[in-house]
Protein backbone atom coordinates (compact mmCIF):
# COMPACT_ATOMS: atom_id res chain seq x y z
CA MET A 1 53.38 36.59 43.22
CA THR A 2 55.16 35.25 45.83
CA SER A 3 53.09 32.89 47.07
CA LYS A 4 53.99 30.78 43.75
CA ILE A 5 57.10 30.38 45.12
CA GLN A 6 55.91 28.48 47.91
CA GLU A 7 53.30 26.39 45.74
CA LEU A 8 56.44 24.86 43.41
CA ARG A 9 58.48 24.32 45.96
CA LYS A 10 55.95 21.96 47.37
CA LYS A 11 54.70 20.44 44.46
CA HIS A 12 58.18 19.75 43.63
CA HIS A 13 58.58 18.46 47.07
CA MET A 14 61.28 20.59 48.18
CA THR A 15 61.54 22.15 51.70
CA GLN A 16 62.52 25.35 52.29
CA ALA A 17 66.55 24.78 53.50
CA GLU A 18 66.88 22.72 49.71
CA LEU A 19 65.32 25.69 47.21
CA ALA A 20 67.65 28.02 49.64
CA GLU A 21 70.56 25.77 49.12
CA MET A 22 69.61 25.56 45.31
CA LEU A 23 68.90 29.75 45.23
CA ASN A 24 72.01 30.64 47.11
CA ILE A 25 69.91 32.42 49.78
CA SER A 26 68.73 31.74 53.20
CA LYS A 27 66.06 29.92 54.63
CA GLY A 28 64.99 33.13 55.69
CA TYR A 29 65.02 34.89 53.33
CA LEU A 30 63.29 32.53 51.00
CA SER A 31 60.57 32.52 53.53
CA GLN A 32 59.91 36.00 53.25
CA LEU A 33 59.79 35.53 49.41
CA GLU A 34 56.92 33.18 50.14
CA ILE A 35 54.81 35.43 52.57
CA SER A 36 55.40 38.46 50.39
CA VAL A 37 57.65 40.44 52.83
CA ARG A 38 60.15 41.07 50.10
CA SER A 39 59.83 40.75 46.64
CA PRO A 40 62.47 38.67 44.77
CA SER A 41 64.74 40.21 42.18
CA LEU A 42 64.90 39.53 38.47
CA LYS A 43 68.01 37.10 39.11
CA LEU A 44 66.00 35.19 41.55
CA LEU A 45 62.72 35.40 39.54
CA LYS A 46 65.21 33.35 36.16
CA GLN A 47 66.42 30.52 38.69
CA LEU A 48 62.77 29.71 40.03
CA SER A 49 61.74 29.93 35.96
CA LYS A 50 64.56 27.19 35.38
CA ILE A 51 64.12 25.17 38.88
CA PHE A 52 60.86 24.91 38.00
CA SER A 53 60.48 25.24 34.26
CA VAL A 54 58.35 27.64 34.05
CA PRO A 55 58.24 30.66 32.04
CA LEU A 56 59.04 33.37 33.84
CA ASP A 57 55.99 35.27 33.22
CA TYR A 58 53.50 32.54 35.06
CA LEU A 59 55.87 33.63 38.38
CA VAL A 60 55.54 37.48 37.46
CA PHE A 61 52.08 37.94 36.74
CA ASP A 62 48.58 37.26 38.91
CA ARG A 63 47.44 35.66 35.73
CA ALA A 64 48.82 32.38 34.34
CA THR A 65 49.61 31.89 30.14
CA LEU A 66 50.64 28.75 28.08
CA ASP A 67 51.89 30.12 24.82
CA GLY A 68 51.11 33.76 25.34
CA GLN A 69 47.11 32.66 26.16
CA GLU A 70 45.67 33.01 29.01
CA ILE A 71 44.68 30.12 31.09
CA PRO A 72 40.65 29.82 32.35
CA GLU A 73 40.42 30.86 35.84
CA SER A 74 38.28 27.51 36.49
CA ILE A 75 41.25 25.43 34.83
CA ILE A 76 43.63 27.20 37.18
CA VAL A 77 41.27 26.70 40.31
CA PHE A 78 40.74 23.20 39.22
CA PHE A 79 44.41 21.83 39.19
CA ARG A 80 45.14 23.83 42.16
CA THR A 81 42.34 22.57 44.48
CA GLU A 82 42.17 19.22 43.20
CA ASN A 83 44.83 16.74 44.68
CA LEU A 84 45.63 14.77 41.21
CA SER A 85 47.93 11.42 41.68
CA ASP A 86 49.99 10.60 39.51
CA LYS A 87 47.67 8.03 37.64
CA ASP A 88 44.95 11.05 37.26
CA LEU A 89 47.89 13.44 36.27
CA GLU A 90 48.71 10.69 33.41
CA GLU A 91 45.17 10.10 32.14
CA LEU A 92 45.30 13.96 31.87
CA LYS A 93 47.89 14.26 29.71
CA SER A 94 46.50 11.56 28.03
CA LEU A 95 43.20 12.91 27.44
CA PHE A 96 44.83 16.36 26.55
CA GLU A 97 47.14 14.25 23.68
CA TRP A 98 44.00 12.86 22.27
CA TRP A 99 42.29 16.35 21.91
CA LYS A 100 45.28 18.14 20.63
CA LYS A 101 45.46 15.45 17.71
CA GLN A 102 41.54 15.52 17.13
CA ARG A 103 41.56 19.40 17.25
CA GLU A 104 44.61 19.25 14.68
CA LYS A 105 42.43 16.73 12.40
CA ARG A 106 39.91 19.58 12.15
CA LYS A 107 42.01 21.82 10.51
């Protein structure tokens, strides 16, 4: 659970000091959360959810979900291991939008 905090912080190009300040906690406490020495409170999880615009259950559960459906591990691994540029991400967004429209047409 808490390694997700570090992943999200790095993804958003934030330092521990910056995130700690936003959360009104010490950098040392944040470090302990990131290495799973301590567990975050529900209040802190709610703040993280808001800061990073992720569902609370994403932070709480080991599996990732999207609209209540579990995301296949192969997709999660792809996005965690691939070094995607901004252009790559835009292309993926376009691809997903096209795919979504095609699915809607079939209904």
